[in-house]
Structure formats: structure tokens, C-alpha cells
Amino acid sequence: MRVPPPSERPPERHPSGSRLWVRLLLLVPFIATLSVGFYNRLTPTLFGIPLFYWYQLLWIPLGTVFIGIVYWYEHAK
């Protein structure tokens, strides 16, 4: 396989400061669901479902929103 000379190689993409901060948004759902001590309770309930369950289910669409924001930001530039 031929390795192109440096002049023909595409520039390497390193995250700039703003991109790095946007990528850190991906840690929010991760940390929020790992802090089990915060939501390991039965009350409050939502439609009869204890906090322990609906809090975790809430982070499924919220995580999708965070991933969408990062994806949009990465591909908008």
C-alpha cells in the first residue's frame, strides 16, 4: 500500500476548544445514570412508577438529545 507524501495527506482533525466542550456533553447522561444514590428512592412517583425506574427511562430520550446536539455540532462545521 502506497503512503501518500505529507503534501497529499488530508489534514488531521484535532478537536478545538469548543468542540471538546461539546463532546463533554456526552458525559452528562453517563454521570447522571451512574449516580444511583441520587435516584435510588421510591418517591416521588410518576403515574405510579417509582423514581428509580422513571429516572432511568427519562435519560433514554435525554441522552438521545445530547448525542444529537454533539452530532449536529460536529457535522455542522
PDB file of N, CA and C in Angstrom:
ATOM      1  N   MET A   1       0.835  -1.169   0.000  1.00  0.00           N
ATOM      2  CA  MET A   1       0.000   0.000   0.000  1.00  0.00           C
ATOM      3  C   MET A   1       0.886   1.240   0.000  1.00  0.00           C
ATOM      4  N   ARG A   2       0.590   2.157  -0.880  1.00  0.00           N
ATOM      5  CA  ARG A   2       1.374   3.375  -1.026  1.00  0.00           C
ATOM      6  C   ARG A   2       0.946   4.418   0.003  1.00  0.00           C
ATOM      7  N   VAL A   3       1.908   4.965   0.700  1.00  0.00           N
ATOM      8  CA  VAL A   3       1.642   6.028   1.667  1.00  0.00           C
ATOM      9  C   VAL A   3       1.851   7.362   0.960  1.00  0.00           C
ATOM     10  N   PRO A   4       0.814   8.202   0.921  1.00  0.00           N
ATOM     11  CA  PRO A   4       0.970   9.473   0.215  1.00  0.00           C
ATOM     12  C   PRO A   4       1.927  10.403   0.964  1.00  0.00           C
ATOM     13  N   PRO A   5       2.630  11.250   0.222  1.00  0.00           N
ATOM     14  CA  PRO A   5       3.521  12.208   0.889  1.00  0.00           C
ATOM     15  C   PRO A   5       2.707  13.191   1.728  1.00  0.00           C
ATOM     16  N   PRO A   6       3.346  13.852   2.677  1.00  0.00           N
ATOM     17  CA  PRO A   6       2.620  14.764   3.573  1.00  0.00           C
ATOM     18  C   PRO A   6       1.809  15.833   2.853  1.00  0.00           C
ATOM     19  N   SER A   7       2.249  16.260   1.681  1.00  0.00           N
ATOM     20  CA  SER A   7       1.520  17.308   0.968  1.00  0.00           C
ATOM     21  C   SER A   7       0.177  16.814   0.436  1.00  0.00           C
ATOM     22  N   GLU A   8       0.026  15.507   0.231  1.00  0.00           N
ATOM     23  CA  GLU A   8      -1.214  14.938  -0.297  1.00  0.00           C
ATOM     24  C   GLU A   8      -2.136  14.409   0.797  1.00  0.00           C
ATOM     25  N   ARG A   9      -1.656  14.299   2.009  1.00  0.00           N
ATOM     26  CA  ARG A   9      -2.472  13.766   3.089  1.00  0.00           C
ATOM     27  C   ARG A   9      -3.514  14.796   3.525  1.00  0.00           C
ATOM     28  N   PRO A  10      -4.693  14.322   3.886  1.00  0.00           N
ATOM     29  CA  PRO A  10      -5.677  15.271   4.421  1.00  0.00           C
ATOM     30  C   PRO A  10      -5.219  15.756   5.797  1.00  0.00           C
ATOM     31  N   PRO A  11      -5.563  16.974   6.148  1.00  0.00           N
ATOM     32  CA  PRO A  11      -5.130  17.466   7.469  1.00  0.00           C
ATOM     33  C   PRO A  11      -5.772  16.661   8.586  1.00  0.00           C
ATOM     34  N   GLU A  12      -4.998  16.415   9.625  1.00  0.00           N
ATOM     35  CA  GLU A  12      -5.535  15.686  10.774  1.00  0.00           C
ATOM     36  C   GLU A  12      -6.480  16.586  11.531  1.00  0.00           C
ATOM     37  N   ARG A  13      -7.556  16.002  12.008  1.00  0.00           N
ATOM     38  CA  ARG A  13      -8.562  16.771  12.729  1.00  0.00           C
ATOM     39  C   ARG A  13      -8.370  16.587  14.220  1.00  0.00           C
ATOM     40  N   HIS A  14      -8.032  17.648  14.862  1.00  0.00           N
ATOM     41  CA  HIS A  14      -7.912  17.652  16.313  1.00  0.00           C
ATOM     42  C   HIS A  14      -9.042  18.502  16.861  1.00  0.00           C
ATOM     43  N   PRO A  15      -9.653  18.065  17.943  1.00  0.00           N
ATOM     44  CA  PRO A  15     -10.761  18.859  18.480  1.00  0.00           C
ATOM     45  C   PRO A  15     -10.273  20.210  18.997  1.00  0.00           C
ATOM     46  N   SER A  16     -10.948  21.250  18.564  1.00  0.00           N
ATOM     47  CA  SER A  16     -10.634  22.575  19.093  1.00  0.00           C
ATOM     48  C   SER A  16     -11.257  22.699  20.485  1.00  0.00           C
ATOM     49  N   GLY A  17     -11.022  23.808  21.142  1.00  0.00           N
ATOM     50  CA  GLY A  17     -11.546  24.000  22.495  1.00  0.00           C
ATOM     51  C   GLY A  17     -13.057  23.907  22.560  1.00  0.00           C
ATOM     52  N   SER A  18     -13.752  24.516  21.590  1.00  0.00           N
ATOM     53  CA  SER A  18     -15.215  24.486  21.628  1.00  0.00           C
ATOM     54  C   SER A  18     -15.746  23.087  21.316  1.00  0.00           C
ATOM     55  N   ARG A  19     -15.084  22.383  20.431  1.00  0.00           N
ATOM     56  CA  ARG A  19     -15.534  21.017  20.132  1.00  0.00           C
ATOM     57  C   ARG A  19     -15.345  20.102  21.326  1.00  0.00           C
ATOM     58  N   LEU A  20     -14.267  20.327  22.040  1.00  0.00           N
ATOM     59  CA  LEU A  20     -14.024  19.499  23.218  1.00  0.00           C
ATOM     60  C   LEU A  20     -15.128  19.702  24.242  1.00  0.00           C
ATOM     61  N   TRP A  21     -15.543  20.954  24.460  1.00  0.00           N
ATOM     62  CA  TRP A  21     -16.613  21.223  25.419  1.00  0.00           C
ATOM     63  C   TRP A  21     -17.920  20.594  24.981  1.00  0.00           C
ATOM     64  N   VAL A  22     -18.184  20.598  23.686  1.00  0.00           N
ATOM     65  CA  VAL A  22     -19.419  19.978  23.205  1.00  0.00           C
ATOM     66  C   VAL A  22     -19.358  18.473  23.401  1.00  0.00           C
ATOM     67  N   ARG A  23     -18.212  17.891  23.181  1.00  0.00           N
ATOM     68  CA  ARG A  23     -18.064  16.445  23.384  1.00  0.00           C
ATOM     69  C   ARG A  23     -18.222  16.058  24.848  1.00  0.00           C
ATOM     70  N   LEU A  24     -17.897  16.970  25.752  1.00  0.00           N
ATOM     71  CA  LEU A  24     -18.078  16.683  27.174  1.00  0.00           C
ATOM     72  C   LEU A  24     -19.552  16.557  27.538  1.00  0.00           C
ATOM     73  N   LEU A  25     -20.439  17.059  26.685  1.00  0.00           N
ATOM     74  CA  LEU A  25     -21.874  16.873  26.918  1.00  0.00           C
ATOM     75  C   LEU A  25     -22.252  15.393  26.945  1.00  0.00           C
ATOM     76  N   LEU A  26     -21.455  14.568  26.288  1.00  0.00           N
ATOM     77  CA  LEU A  26     -21.738  13.132  26.277  1.00  0.00           C
ATOM     78  C   LEU A  26     -21.549  12.503  27.651  1.00  0.00           C
ATOM     79  N   LEU A  27     -20.831  13.168  28.530  1.00  0.00           N
ATOM     80  CA  LEU A  27     -20.638  12.646  29.882  1.00  0.00           C
ATOM     81  C   LEU A  27     -21.855  12.878  30.776  1.00  0.00           C
ATOM     82  N   VAL A  28     -22.692  13.844  30.432  1.00  0.00           N
ATOM     83  CA  VAL A  28     -23.834  14.189  31.284  1.00  0.00           C
ATOM     84  C   VAL A  28     -24.766  12.997  31.500  1.00  0.00           C
ATOM     85  N   PRO A  29     -25.274  12.334  30.443  1.00  0.00           N
ATOM     86  CA  PRO A  29     -26.147  11.181  30.697  1.00  0.00           C
ATOM     87  C   PRO A  29     -25.427  10.038  31.419  1.00  0.00           C
ATOM     88  N   PHE A  30     -24.159   9.873  31.105  1.00  0.00           N
ATOM     89  CA  PHE A  30     -23.373   8.816  31.732  1.00  0.00           C
ATOM     90  C   PHE A  30     -23.273   9.032  33.236  1.00  0.00           C
ATOM     91  N   ILE A  31     -22.923  10.232  33.636  1.00  0.00           N
ATOM     92  CA  ILE A  31     -22.782  10.550  35.059  1.00  0.00           C
ATOM     93  C   ILE A  31     -24.142  10.548  35.750  1.00  0.00           C
ATOM     94  N   ALA A  32     -25.159  11.059  35.069  1.00  0.00           N
ATOM     95  CA  ALA A  32     -26.493  11.132  35.674  1.00  0.00           C
ATOM     96  C   ALA A  32     -27.053   9.749  35.982  1.00  0.00           C
ATOM     97  N   THR A  33     -26.774   8.770  35.153  1.00  0.00           N
ATOM     98  CA  THR A  33     -27.293   7.427  35.418  1.00  0.00           C
ATOM     99  C   THR A  33     -26.372   6.617  36.330  1.00  0.00           C
ATOM    100  N   LEU A  34     -25.122   7.036  36.474  1.00  0.00           N
ATOM    101  CA  LEU A  34     -24.224   6.329  37.390  1.00  0.00           C
ATOM    102  C   LEU A  34     -24.390   6.765  38.841  1.00  0.00           C
ATOM    103  N   SER A  35     -24.999   7.905  39.059  1.00  0.00           N
ATOM    104  CA  SER A  35     -25.186   8.391  40.427  1.00  0.00           C
ATOM    105  C   SER A  35     -26.443   7.762  41.037  1.00  0.00           C
ATOM    106  N   VAL A  36     -26.384   6.473  41.250  1.00  0.00           N
ATOM    107  CA  VAL A  36     -27.540   5.702  41.706  1.00  0.00           C
ATOM    108  C   VAL A  36     -28.036   6.174  43.064  1.00  0.00           C
ATOM    109  N   GLY A  37     -27.162   6.610  43.917  1.00  0.00           N
ATOM    110  CA  GLY A  37     -27.580   7.074  45.236  1.00  0.00           C
ATOM    111  C   GLY A  37     -28.542   8.249  45.172  1.00  0.00           C
ATOM    112  N   PHE A  38     -28.476   9.013  44.099  1.00  0.00           N
ATOM    113  CA  PHE A  38     -29.360  10.157  43.937  1.00  0.00           C
ATOM    114  C   PHE A  38     -30.801   9.732  43.656  1.00  0.00           C
ATOM    115  N   TYR A  39     -30.999   8.705  42.857  1.00  0.00           N
ATOM    116  CA  TYR A  39     -32.355   8.331  42.448  1.00  0.00           C
ATOM    117  C   TYR A  39     -32.804   6.967  42.969  1.00  0.00           C
ATOM    118  N   ASN A  40     -32.106   6.386  43.907  1.00  0.00           N
ATOM    119  CA  ASN A  40     -32.481   5.089  44.463  1.00  0.00           C
ATOM    120  C   ASN A  40     -33.537   5.281  45.557  1.00  0.00           C
ATOM    121  N   ARG A  41     -34.721   5.762  45.135  1.00  0.00           N
ATOM    122  CA  ARG A  41     -35.831   6.012  46.065  1.00  0.00           C
ATOM    123  C   ARG A  41     -37.129   5.578  45.401  1.00  0.00           C
ATOM    124  N   LEU A  42     -38.143   5.390  46.201  1.00  0.00           N
ATOM    125  CA  LEU A  42     -39.458   5.042  45.671  1.00  0.00           C
ATOM    126  C   LEU A  42     -40.296   6.281  45.377  1.00  0.00           C
ATOM    127  N   THR A  43     -40.031   7.363  46.090  1.00  0.00           N
ATOM    128  CA  THR A  43     -40.812   8.579  45.876  1.00  0.00           C
ATOM    129  C   THR A  43     -39.898   9.643  45.287  1.00  0.00           C
ATOM    130  N   PRO A  44     -40.352  10.510  44.472  1.00  0.00           N
ATOM    131  CA  PRO A  44     -41.729  10.675  44.013  1.00  0.00           C
ATOM    132  C   PRO A  44     -42.065   9.653  42.927  1.00  0.00           C
ATOM    133  N   THR A  45     -43.320   9.445  42.741  1.00  0.00           N
ATOM    134  CA  THR A  45     -43.772   8.532  41.700  1.00  0.00           C
ATOM    135  C   THR A  45     -44.345   9.337  40.539  1.00  0.00           C
ATOM    136  N   LEU A  46     -44.307   8.753  39.382  1.00  0.00           N
ATOM    137  CA  LEU A  46     -44.866   9.355  38.177  1.00  0.00           C
ATOM    138  C   LEU A  46     -45.795   8.320  37.559  1.00  0.00           C
ATOM    139  N   PHE A  47     -47.088   8.569  37.625  1.00  0.00           N
ATOM    140  CA  PHE A  47     -48.110   7.623  37.168  1.00  0.00           C
ATOM    141  C   PHE A  47     -47.968   6.281  37.876  1.00  0.00           C
ATOM    142  N   GLY A  48     -47.591   6.308  39.142  1.00  0.00           N
ATOM    143  CA  GLY A  48     -47.449   5.098  39.941  1.00  0.00           C
ATOM    144  C   GLY A  48     -46.109   4.398  39.781  1.00  0.00           C
ATOM    145  N   ILE A  49     -45.214   4.950  38.982  1.00  0.00           N
ATOM    146  CA  ILE A  49     -43.896   4.346  38.750  1.00  0.00           C
ATOM    147  C   ILE A  49     -42.893   5.035  39.675  1.00  0.00           C
ATOM    148  N   PRO A  50     -42.139   4.266  40.472  1.00  0.00           N
ATOM    149  CA  PRO A  50     -41.174   4.869  41.393  1.00  0.00           C
ATOM    150  C   PRO A  50     -40.064   5.631  40.651  1.00  0.00           C
ATOM    151  N   LEU A  51     -39.481   6.591  41.347  1.00  0.00           N
ATOM    152  CA  LEU A  51     -38.408   7.421  40.795  1.00  0.00           C
ATOM    153  C   LEU A  51     -37.285   6.582  40.212  1.00  0.00           C
ATOM    154  N   PHE A  52     -36.940   5.492  40.873  1.00  0.00           N
ATOM    155  CA  PHE A  52     -35.831   4.654  40.417  1.00  0.00           C
ATOM    156  C   PHE A  52     -35.998   4.238  38.962  1.00  0.00           C
ATOM    157  N   TYR A  53     -37.204   3.914  38.548  1.00  0.00           N
ATOM    158  CA  TYR A  53     -37.439   3.447  37.177  1.00  0.00           C
ATOM    159  C   TYR A  53     -37.632   4.595  36.199  1.00  0.00           C
ATOM    160  N   TRP A  54     -38.478   5.577  36.559  1.00  0.00           N
ATOM    161  CA  TRP A  54     -38.747   6.607  35.564  1.00  0.00           C
ATOM    162  C   TRP A  54     -37.569   7.548  35.365  1.00  0.00           C
ATOM    163  N   TYR A  55     -36.698   7.675  36.349  1.00  0.00           N
ATOM    164  CA  TYR A  55     -35.499   8.499  36.177  1.00  0.00           C
ATOM    165  C   TYR A  55     -34.580   7.885  35.126  1.00  0.00           C
ATOM    166  N   GLN A  56     -34.403   6.571  35.200  1.00  0.00           N
ATOM    167  CA  GLN A  56     -33.559   5.898  34.212  1.00  0.00           C
ATOM    168  C   GLN A  56     -34.185   5.963  32.822  1.00  0.00           C
ATOM    169  N   LEU A  57     -35.499   5.772  32.759  1.00  0.00           N
ATOM    170  CA  LEU A  57     -36.173   5.842  31.463  1.00  0.00           C
ATOM    171  C   LEU A  57     -36.171   7.248  30.892  1.00  0.00           C
ATOM    172  N   LEU A  58     -36.171   8.243  31.755  1.00  0.00           N
ATOM    173  CA  LEU A  58     -36.108   9.627  31.306  1.00  0.00           C
ATOM    174  C   LEU A  58     -34.815   9.921  30.573  1.00  0.00           C
ATOM    175  N   TRP A  59     -33.734   9.279  30.976  1.00  0.00           N
ATOM    176  CA  TRP A  59     -32.443   9.555  30.366  1.00  0.00           C
ATOM    177  C   TRP A  59     -32.268   8.912  28.998  1.00  0.00           C
ATOM    178  N   ILE A  60     -33.163   8.044  28.587  1.00  0.00           N
ATOM    179  CA  ILE A  60     -33.070   7.493  27.227  1.00  0.00           C
ATOM    180  C   ILE A  60     -33.321   8.591  26.193  1.00  0.00           C
ATOM    181  N   PRO A  61     -34.455   9.311  26.249  1.00  0.00           N
ATOM    182  CA  PRO A  61     -34.619  10.401  25.273  1.00  0.00           C
ATOM    183  C   PRO A  61     -33.671  11.577  25.533  1.00  0.00           C
ATOM    184  N   LEU A  62     -33.356  11.858  26.809  1.00  0.00           N
ATOM    185  CA  LEU A  62     -32.423  12.954  27.085  1.00  0.00           C
ATOM    186  C   LEU A  62     -31.030  12.645  26.534  1.00  0.00           C
ATOM    187  N   GLY A  63     -30.597  11.408  26.665  1.00  0.00           N
ATOM    188  CA  GLY A  63     -29.311  11.006  26.097  1.00  0.00           C
ATOM    189  C   GLY A  63     -29.300  11.144  24.589  1.00  0.00           C
ATOM    190  N   THR A  64     -30.427  10.820  23.960  1.00  0.00           N
ATOM    191  CA  THR A  64     -30.545  10.981  22.516  1.00  0.00           C
ATOM    192  C   THR A  64     -30.424  12.446  22.119  1.00  0.00           C
ATOM    193  N   VAL A  65     -31.003  13.328  22.923  1.00  0.00           N
ATOM    194  CA  VAL A  65     -30.900  14.765  22.654  1.00  0.00           C
ATOM    195  C   VAL A  65     -29.446  15.225  22.763  1.00  0.00           C
ATOM    196  N   PHE A  66     -28.748  14.783  23.794  1.00  0.00           N
ATOM    197  CA  PHE A  66     -27.342  15.160  23.949  1.00  0.00           C
ATOM    198  C   PHE A  66     -26.498  14.635  22.793  1.00  0.00           C
ATOM    199  N   ILE A  67     -26.725  13.408  22.385  1.00  0.00           N
ATOM    200  CA  ILE A  67     -25.981  12.839  21.256  1.00  0.00           C
ATOM    201  C   ILE A  67     -26.300  13.616  19.979  1.00  0.00           C
ATOM    202  N   GLY A  68     -27.565  13.983  19.802  1.00  0.00           N
ATOM    203  CA  GLY A  68     -27.953  14.761  18.632  1.00  0.00           C
ATOM    204  C   GLY A  68     -27.285  16.121  18.595  1.00  0.00           C
ATOM    205  N   ILE A  69     -27.171  16.766  19.742  1.00  0.00           N
ATOM    206  CA  ILE A  69     -26.505  18.076  19.806  1.00  0.00           C
ATOM    207  C   ILE A  69     -25.037  17.942  19.400  1.00  0.00           C
ATOM    208  N   VAL A  70     -24.364  16.941  19.944  1.00  0.00           N
ATOM    209  CA  VAL A  70     -22.954  16.738  19.616  1.00  0.00           C
ATOM    210  C   VAL A  70     -22.807  16.384  18.140  1.00  0.00           C
ATOM    211  N   TYR A  71     -23.666  15.535  17.616  1.00  0.00           N
ATOM    212  CA  TYR A  71     -23.602  15.151  16.209  1.00  0.00           C
ATOM    213  C   TYR A  71     -23.817  16.371  15.315  1.00  0.00           C
ATOM    214  N   TRP A  72     -24.836  17.167  15.633  1.00  0.00           N
ATOM    215  CA  TRP A  72     -25.133  18.351  14.846  1.00  0.00           C
ATOM    216  C   TRP A  72     -23.949  19.314  14.852  1.00  0.00           C
ATOM    217  N   TYR A  73     -23.373  19.535  16.038  1.00  0.00           N
ATOM    218  CA  TYR A  73     -22.260  20.458  16.156  1.00  0.00           C
ATOM    219  C   TYR A  73     -21.041  19.960  15.394  1.00  0.00           C
ATOM    220  N   GLU A  74     -20.770  18.669  15.476  1.00  0.00           N
ATOM    221  CA  GLU A  74     -19.588  18.103  14.790  1.00  0.00           C
ATOM    222  C   GLU A  74     -19.734  18.160  13.267  1.00  0.00           C
ATOM    223  N   HIS A  75     -20.930  17.961  12.766  1.00  0.00           N
ATOM    224  CA  HIS A  75     -21.121  17.902  11.322  1.00  0.00           C
ATOM    225  C   HIS A  75     -21.589  19.208  10.715  1.00  0.00           C
ATOM    226  N   ALA A  76     -21.844  20.209  11.527  1.00  0.00           N
ATOM    227  CA  ALA A  76     -22.260  21.500  11.001  1.00  0.00           C
ATOM    228  C   ALA A  76     -21.079  22.321  10.514  1.00  0.00           C
ATOM    229  N   LYS A  77     -19.896  21.989  10.956  1.00  0.00           N
ATOM    230  CA  LYS A  77     -18.715  22.780  10.580  1.00  0.00           C
ATOM    231  C   LYS A  77     -17.932  22.108   9.495  1.00  0.00           C
TER     232      LYS A  77
END
